[in-house]
Structure formats: structure tokens, C-alpha cells
Protein backbone atom coordinates (compact mmCIF):
# COMPACT_ATOMS: atom_id res chain seq x y z
CA MET A 1 0.00 0.00 0.00
CA ILE A 2 1.30 3.43 -0.95
CA GLY A 3 1.04 6.12 1.70
CA ARG A 4 -0.31 9.59 1.16
CA VAL A 5 1.80 12.20 -0.55
CA THR A 6 1.81 15.17 1.78
CA GLN A 7 3.35 18.61 1.50
CA ARG A 8 5.87 17.56 4.12
CA SER A 9 6.97 14.48 2.15
CA ILE A 10 7.31 16.56 -1.01
CA ALA A 11 9.34 19.20 0.82
CA THR A 12 11.56 16.56 2.45
CA HIS A 13 12.21 14.85 -0.87
CA THR A 14 12.97 18.18 -2.55
CA LEU A 15 15.37 19.24 0.21
CA MET A 16 17.20 15.92 0.02
CA GLY A 17 17.66 16.44 -3.71
CA LEU A 18 18.92 19.98 -3.21
CA GLN A 19 21.39 18.88 -0.54
CA GLY A 20 22.73 16.17 -2.85
CA ASN A 21 23.16 18.72 -5.64
CA LEU A 22 24.95 21.13 -3.31
CA SER A 23 27.28 18.37 -2.18
CA ARG A 24 28.16 17.43 -5.77
CA MET A 25 28.65 21.11 -6.64
CA ALA A 26 31.02 21.57 -3.69
CA GLY A 27 33.09 18.62 -4.89
CA ILE A 28 33.27 20.02 -8.41
CA GLN A 29 34.26 23.45 -7.11
CA GLN A 30 37.00 21.84 -5.00
CA GLN A 31 38.35 20.04 -8.08
CA ARG A 32 38.28 23.22 -10.16
CA SER A 33 39.93 25.42 -7.53
CA SER A 34 42.69 22.94 -6.68
CA GLY A 35 43.26 21.80 -10.25
CA LYS A 36 43.25 18.20 -9.02
CA GLN A 37 40.73 15.47 -9.81
CA ILE A 38 41.80 13.49 -6.75
CA SER A 39 42.37 15.40 -3.54
CA ARG A 40 41.99 12.43 -1.18
CA PRO A 41 42.64 8.74 -1.82
CA SER A 42 39.00 8.01 -1.05
CA ASP A 43 37.94 10.20 -4.01
CA SER A 44 39.14 7.51 -6.40
CA PRO A 45 41.02 4.51 -5.01
CA THR A 46 41.88 3.19 -8.49
CA GLY A 47 42.92 6.65 -9.64
CA THR A 48 45.13 6.98 -6.57
CA VAL A 49 46.89 3.70 -7.36
CA ALA A 50 47.41 4.77 -10.98
CA ALA A 51 48.79 8.15 -9.90
CA MET A 52 51.18 6.53 -7.41
CA GLN A 53 52.42 4.09 -10.06
CA MET A 54 52.95 6.94 -12.52
CA ARG A 55 54.89 8.98 -9.96
CA GLY A 56 57.06 5.96 -9.22
CA GLU A 57 57.83 5.49 -12.91
CA ILE A 58 58.69 9.18 -13.31
CA ARG A 59 60.96 9.03 -10.24
CA ASP A 60 62.71 5.90 -11.56
CA ARG A 61 63.27 7.47 -14.98
CA ALA A 62 64.63 10.64 -13.39
CA ARG A 63 67.11 8.54 -11.38
CA THR A 64 68.30 6.55 -14.41
CA SER A 65 68.64 9.65 -16.58
CA SER A 66 70.69 11.49 -13.92
CA VAL A 67 73.01 8.47 -13.52
CA CYS A 68 73.81 8.31 -17.27
């Protein structure tokens, strides 16, 4: 059985949607202002691993090129 749709339930649902949108917007603004897609490892665990691997490769290449 479906319950009644009241003004309160509509307002609650609308506010939840707005809060979700504000949260996503804050995340996008953080990315734009910092210039980084990943600011914390929890933002993208797979992206964090890829970034760490890339940094390791760059560091290794810098070491081998400075030795030669």
C-alpha cells in the first residue's frame, strides 16, 4: 500500500535532492579550484593507485637519466 503524498513528504524529498546537488557542486568546485581530480585517496582509489604508479615510474626514470 502506498502512503499519502503530503506537503511535508514533497518538501523533504525536494530538500534531500537539493542537498545532494549542493554536495556534488562543492566537490566540483574543489576540483576546479585545486586543479586536481583526486584530492583524497577516497575520491578515487583506483585513480590513486594509478597516480602513485605513474609517480614511481617518473621518479625511476629521473634517477636513471641522472646516472647516465
